[in-house]
Amino acid sequence: MTITDKHRAYGEAMNFESVYDYSEQYKVNDNPTVWKYMSMEKFKSLIDEKALYFSKPSGFFDPLEGSYSYWDIKQRDTGGNTRDYMKRIQEFSAISCWHINDHESAAMWDLYLGGGDGIAIKTTYKDLYNSIHDPYIIFSGKLQYIDFNKDMTSENVFDTLFYKRKSFSFENELRLMIIASRIDHKNLEKQFENEGIPSQDWDGIIDDLEEKSYEFSHPNGNLVSCDLNNLIHSIYVSPKSPPEVVDKVKSMVKEIGMSSEIIVKSNLYEDYIY
């Protein structure tokens, strides 16, 4: 991280926040059901840390994710932002991906687990959003699936992270994003007031939190604290996992005081005998 990139990322983040605040694109209506598919290793991290892992965009599979479209490059001024510049600036952000669906998805089990053991957390958008208790502002929105040959993305480097190619539309993704320096002042001030912290100390505390926001917990992402009781409605165990994995998941949730009744063994591939 260079000082120059840090300053540029700050400017891009300020610009994105102003776009986010007024854009209808980011409004998530009707409180949809959302799912998070993960390996047992990642689930254990969630339980142990009581935090969701947000991944840097550099870890994503699609090489065009977070880039301008072909239309953008040919039809308008992109401000001279090269692909290398965009990738460097986007390293100041981290993302959590969720699948919008009323039902569990065979495609998502295969995509995230490839036949291995794992679980899927089922919740709603509002409970997911409200479960997060962290100084970062949580930017959220449904991904826009476009034709990169004919449609435009956005001029803002962080805004482009909410666009993907139509080939990925089956993911029906809800995306949460944090950006270094973007701290939720309003919630923090309510917290300070409730804790009886003198108002003259607020600015100094927030300044320290903004500076610390650049220090992600992992080289490729960041842990964002959350309330698991608020977050988790139910936990589906992979349809390909044996009974002992179900028992292991039940034991893990009991250890943190949650009821094993929220555990569901997926019957996605069970046969019907008739």
Protein backbone atom coordinates (compact mmCIF):
# COMPACT_ATOMS: atom_id res chain seq x y z
CA MET A 1 0.00 0.00 0.00
CA THR A 2 1.56 3.26 -1.13
CA ILE A 3 0.59 6.67 0.23
CA THR A 4 -0.50 7.70 -3.26
CA ASP A 5 -2.79 4.68 -3.65
CA LYS A 6 -4.17 5.27 -0.15
CA HIS A 7 -5.09 8.86 -1.02
CA ARG A 8 -6.62 7.83 -4.34
CA ALA A 9 -8.59 5.04 -2.70
CA TYR A 10 -9.91 7.53 -0.14
CA GLY A 11 -11.15 9.81 -2.94
CA GLU A 12 -12.77 6.92 -4.82
CA ALA A 13 -14.40 5.74 -1.58
CA MET A 14 -15.83 9.20 -0.85
CA ASN A 15 -17.22 9.35 -4.38
CA PHE A 16 -18.72 5.87 -4.13
CA GLU A 17 -20.41 6.66 -0.82
CA SER A 18 -22.15 9.67 -2.38
CA VAL A 19 -23.30 7.51 -5.31
CA TYR A 20 -24.48 4.77 -2.97
CA ASP A 21 -26.55 7.12 -0.84
CA TYR A 22 -28.80 8.30 -3.66
CA SER A 23 -28.78 5.40 -6.12
CA GLU A 24 -31.87 3.19 -6.34
CA GLN A 25 -29.63 0.41 -7.66
CA TYR A 26 -28.49 -0.41 -4.13
CA LYS A 27 -31.91 -0.54 -2.49
CA VAL A 28 -32.75 -4.14 -1.52
CA ASN A 29 -36.53 -4.42 -1.37
CA ASP A 30 -38.91 -7.03 0.12
CA ASN A 31 -36.33 -8.49 2.54
CA PRO A 32 -35.36 -11.52 0.42
CA THR A 33 -34.15 -14.85 1.80
CA VAL A 34 -30.38 -15.17 1.36
CA TRP A 35 -27.90 -18.04 1.69
CA LYS A 36 -24.20 -18.38 2.42
CA TYR A 37 -22.56 -21.63 1.30
CA MET A 38 -19.25 -22.47 2.96
CA SER A 39 -16.82 -25.25 3.82
CA MET A 40 -16.56 -26.69 7.32
CA GLU A 41 -13.30 -24.82 7.80
CA LYS A 42 -14.95 -21.48 7.04
CA PHE A 43 -17.95 -22.34 9.20
CA LYS A 44 -15.63 -23.10 12.12
CA SER A 45 -13.98 -19.71 11.62
CA LEU A 46 -17.39 -18.02 11.67
CA ILE A 47 -18.32 -19.79 14.91
CA ASP A 48 -14.95 -19.25 16.61
CA GLU A 49 -14.46 -15.62 15.58
CA LYS A 50 -18.12 -14.58 15.58
CA ALA A 51 -17.24 -12.71 12.42
CA LEU A 52 -17.95 -12.94 8.71
CA TYR A 53 -14.98 -13.11 6.39
CA PHE A 54 -14.97 -10.47 3.66
CA SER A 55 -12.64 -11.28 0.75
CA LYS A 56 -10.60 -8.81 -1.28
CA PRO A 57 -11.70 -8.64 -4.95
CA SER A 58 -8.31 -9.98 -6.05
CA GLY A 59 -9.47 -13.40 -4.88
CA PHE A 60 -12.44 -13.57 -7.26
CA PHE A 61 -12.56 -16.09 -10.09
CA ASP A 62 -13.91 -13.88 -12.90
CA PRO A 63 -11.06 -11.79 -14.41
CA LEU A 64 -13.51 -9.09 -15.57
CA GLU A 65 -15.06 -8.58 -12.18
CA GLY A 66 -14.46 -5.04 -10.98
CA SER A 67 -13.39 -3.79 -14.42
CA TYR A 68 -14.89 -1.48 -17.00
CA SER A 69 -16.93 -3.05 -19.77
CA TYR A 70 -15.88 -3.05 -23.41
CA TRP A 71 -18.62 -0.44 -23.97
CA ASP A 72 -17.13 1.82 -21.28
CA ILE A 73 -13.68 1.69 -22.81
CA LYS A 74 -14.83 2.37 -26.36
CA GLN A 75 -17.63 4.86 -25.79
CA ARG A 76 -16.65 7.14 -22.94
CA ASP A 77 -13.82 8.69 -20.98
CA THR A 78 -12.89 6.33 -18.13
CA GLY A 79 -10.64 8.93 -16.55
CA GLY A 80 -7.47 7.19 -17.65
CA ASN A 81 -7.97 4.45 -15.06
CA THR A 82 -6.05 1.39 -16.18
CA ARG A 83 -6.90 -2.17 -15.11
CA ASP A 84 -3.81 -2.21 -12.89
CA TYR A 85 -4.89 1.01 -11.17
CA MET A 86 -8.40 -0.31 -10.55
CA LYS A 87 -7.12 -3.55 -9.05
CA ARG A 88 -4.73 -1.68 -6.73
CA ILE A 89 -7.46 0.64 -5.47
CA GLN A 90 -9.95 -2.20 -5.02
CA GLU A 91 -7.49 -3.87 -2.63
CA PHE A 92 -8.75 -1.32 -0.09
CA SER A 93 -12.15 -3.08 -0.13
CA ALA A 94 -13.47 -6.48 0.90
CA ILE A 95 -16.67 -8.30 -0.01
CA SER A 96 -19.07 -10.93 1.34
CA CYS A 97 -21.18 -12.75 -1.27
CA TRP A 98 -24.67 -14.15 -0.59
CA HIS A 99 -27.13 -16.03 -2.80
CA ILE A 100 -30.72 -14.76 -3.09
CA ASN A 101 -33.18 -17.66 -3.29
CA ASP A 102 -36.31 -18.89 -1.52
CA HIS A 103 -34.89 -22.43 -1.64
CA GLU A 104 -31.48 -24.10 -1.36
CA SER A 105 -29.58 -24.37 -4.63
CA ALA A 106 -27.93 -27.47 -6.10
CA ALA A 107 -25.75 -25.18 -8.23
CA MET A 108 -24.47 -23.31 -5.17
CA TRP A 109 -23.63 -26.53 -3.31
CA ASP A 110 -21.52 -27.61 -6.28
CA LEU A 111 -19.97 -24.19 -6.85
CA TYR A 112 -18.82 -23.60 -3.29
CA LEU A 113 -18.19 -27.14 -2.06
CA GLY A 114 -17.61 -29.25 -5.16
CA GLY A 115 -19.04 -32.30 -3.47
CA GLY A 116 -17.17 -31.77 -0.19
CA ASP A 117 -18.56 -31.34 3.31
CA GLY A 118 -19.99 -27.99 4.31
CA ILE A 119 -23.02 -25.98 5.31
CA ALA A 120 -25.31 -23.22 4.08
CA ILE A 121 -26.59 -20.47 6.35
CA LYS A 122 -30.15 -19.38 5.64
CA THR A 123 -31.27 -15.93 6.76
CA THR A 124 -32.92 -12.75 5.44
CA TYR A 125 -31.31 -9.65 4.07
CA LYS A 126 -32.40 -7.46 6.99
CA ASP A 127 -31.21 -9.88 9.65
CA LEU A 128 -27.91 -10.32 7.82
CA TYR A 129 -27.41 -6.56 7.59
CA ASN A 130 -28.51 -5.88 11.17
CA SER A 131 -26.39 -8.70 12.58
CA ILE A 132 -23.17 -6.89 11.70
CA HIS A 133 -21.70 -4.84 14.54
CA ASP A 134 -18.54 -3.28 13.20
CA PRO A 135 -17.19 0.26 12.72
CA TYR A 136 -17.21 -0.12 8.92
CA ILE A 137 -20.08 1.16 6.82
CA ILE A 138 -21.68 -1.87 5.18
CA PHE A 139 -22.48 -1.14 1.53
CA SER A 140 -24.96 -3.63 0.13
CA GLY A 141 -26.78 -4.31 -3.13
CA LYS A 142 -27.86 -6.88 -5.67
CA LEU A 143 -25.36 -7.42 -8.44
CA GLN A 144 -26.21 -6.07 -11.89
CA TYR A 145 -25.69 -8.69 -14.61
CA ILE A 146 -24.88 -7.03 -17.92
CA ASP A 147 -23.52 -7.67 -21.41
CA PHE A 148 -19.95 -6.36 -21.14
CA ASN A 149 -19.90 -5.81 -24.91
CA LYS A 150 -23.01 -3.60 -25.00
CA ASP A 151 -23.70 -2.22 -21.52
CA MET A 152 -21.86 0.18 -19.24
CA THR A 153 -20.74 -0.38 -15.67
CA SER A 154 -19.77 2.73 -13.70
CA GLU A 155 -17.12 5.43 -13.64
CA ASN A 156 -16.32 4.74 -9.98
CA VAL A 157 -13.72 2.07 -9.24
CA PHE A 158 -15.64 0.61 -6.27
CA ASP A 159 -19.01 0.85 -8.01
CA THR A 160 -17.78 -1.50 -10.76
CA LEU A 161 -17.66 -4.27 -8.14
CA PHE A 162 -21.46 -4.46 -8.28
CA TYR A 163 -21.48 -5.55 -11.94
CA LYS A 164 -20.85 -8.97 -13.44
CA ARG A 165 -21.34 -10.63 -16.78
CA LYS A 166 -24.71 -12.21 -17.61
CA SER A 167 -23.00 -15.60 -17.67
CA PHE A 168 -22.94 -15.43 -13.86
CA SER A 169 -26.57 -14.39 -13.39
CA PHE A 170 -27.47 -17.83 -11.98
CA GLU A 171 -25.62 -16.76 -8.82
CA ASN A 172 -28.34 -14.14 -8.12
CA GLU A 173 -25.92 -12.47 -5.78
CA LEU A 174 -26.39 -10.07 -2.92
CA ARG A 175 -23.11 -8.37 -2.13
CA LEU A 176 -21.90 -6.67 1.05
CA MET A 177 -18.80 -4.50 0.85
CA ILE A 178 -16.56 -2.62 3.26
CA ILE A 179 -14.00 0.01 2.20
CA ALA A 180 -11.04 1.24 4.22
CA SER A 181 -11.72 4.71 5.70
CA ARG A 182 -15.52 4.45 5.43
CA ILE A 183 -16.64 4.34 9.06
CA ASP A 184 -20.26 4.45 10.23
CA HIS A 185 -20.22 7.71 12.19
CA LYS A 186 -23.93 7.73 13.08
CA ASN A 187 -23.97 4.28 14.67
CA LEU A 188 -20.69 4.94 16.45
CA GLU A 189 -21.98 8.18 17.94
CA LYS A 190 -25.12 6.37 19.21
CA GLN A 191 -22.84 3.74 20.74
CA PHE A 192 -20.64 6.39 22.38
CA GLU A 193 -23.71 8.12 23.81
CA ASN A 194 -25.07 4.85 25.23
CA GLU A 195 -21.68 4.08 26.79
CA GLY A 196 -21.45 7.54 28.34
CA ILE A 197 -18.32 8.57 26.42
CA PRO A 198 -17.89 12.37 26.54
CA SER A 199 -18.78 13.98 23.20
CA GLN A 200 -15.50 15.88 23.10
CA ASP A 201 -13.71 12.51 22.75
CA TRP A 202 -15.78 11.23 19.83
CA ASP A 203 -13.80 12.81 16.98
CA GLY A 204 -10.50 11.46 18.26
CA ILE A 205 -11.90 7.93 18.64
CA ILE A 206 -13.41 8.00 15.16
CA ASP A 207 -10.15 9.29 13.67
CA ASP A 208 -8.33 6.34 15.24
CA LEU A 209 -10.92 3.89 13.90
CA GLU A 210 -10.63 5.35 10.40
CA GLU A 211 -6.88 4.85 10.45
CA LYS A 212 -7.23 1.29 11.79
CA SER A 213 -9.77 0.51 9.06
CA TYR A 214 -6.88 0.18 6.61
CA GLU A 215 -5.48 -2.73 8.62
CA PHE A 216 -7.39 -5.79 7.42
CA SER A 217 -7.17 -8.87 9.64
CA HIS A 218 -5.90 -11.11 6.82
CA PRO A 219 -3.69 -10.51 3.76
CA ASN A 220 -6.60 -11.39 1.43
CA GLY A 221 -9.53 -10.04 3.39
CA ASN A 222 -11.01 -8.97 6.70
CA LEU A 223 -13.11 -10.41 9.52
CA VAL A 224 -16.22 -8.33 10.27
CA SER A 225 -17.86 -8.95 13.64
CA CYS A 226 -21.50 -10.05 13.76
CA ASP A 227 -24.20 -11.38 16.10
CA LEU A 228 -24.66 -15.04 15.15
CA ASN A 229 -28.00 -15.31 16.94
CA ASN A 230 -29.39 -12.51 14.81
CA LEU A 231 -27.68 -13.72 11.65
CA ILE A 232 -28.56 -17.42 11.53
CA HIS A 233 -32.11 -18.62 10.93
CA SER A 234 -31.11 -22.16 10.02
CA ILE A 235 -28.05 -24.13 8.97
CA TYR A 236 -28.33 -26.66 6.14
CA VAL A 237 -25.74 -29.43 6.05
CA SER A 238 -24.58 -30.46 2.58
CA PRO A 239 -26.70 -33.20 0.97
CA LYS A 240 -23.49 -35.15 0.33
CA SER A 241 -22.23 -35.00 3.92
CA PRO A 242 -22.47 -38.12 6.15
CA PRO A 243 -24.40 -38.19 9.48
CA GLU A 244 -21.26 -37.57 11.52
CA VAL A 245 -20.91 -34.13 9.90
CA VAL A 246 -24.46 -33.30 11.00
CA ASP A 247 -23.49 -34.31 14.55
CA LYS A 248 -20.36 -32.16 14.36
CA VAL A 249 -22.35 -29.10 13.25
CA LYS A 250 -24.86 -29.64 16.09
CA SER A 251 -22.02 -29.84 18.59
CA MET A 252 -20.45 -26.64 17.24
CA VAL A 253 -23.64 -24.57 17.56
CA LYS A 254 -24.38 -25.96 21.04
CA GLU A 255 -20.96 -24.75 22.20
CA ILE A 256 -21.97 -21.16 21.48
CA GLY A 257 -25.39 -21.53 23.12
CA MET A 258 -27.51 -22.00 20.01
CA SER A 259 -30.15 -24.69 19.62
CA SER A 260 -29.37 -27.71 17.45
CA GLU A 261 -32.96 -27.48 16.18
CA ILE A 262 -31.78 -24.92 13.62
CA ILE A 263 -29.73 -27.66 11.90
CA VAL A 264 -31.27 -29.14 8.75
CA LYS A 265 -29.76 -32.07 6.86
CA SER A 266 -30.38 -31.29 3.19
CA ASN A 267 -32.42 -33.98 1.46
CA LEU A 268 -31.73 -32.53 -1.97
CA TYR A 269 -30.55 -35.82 -3.47
CA GLU A 270 -32.71 -38.26 -1.53
CA ASP A 271 -34.70 -40.66 -3.66
CA TYR A 272 -38.44 -41.10 -3.37
CA ILE A 273 -39.49 -44.70 -2.93
CA TYR A 274 -42.84 -45.57 -4.49
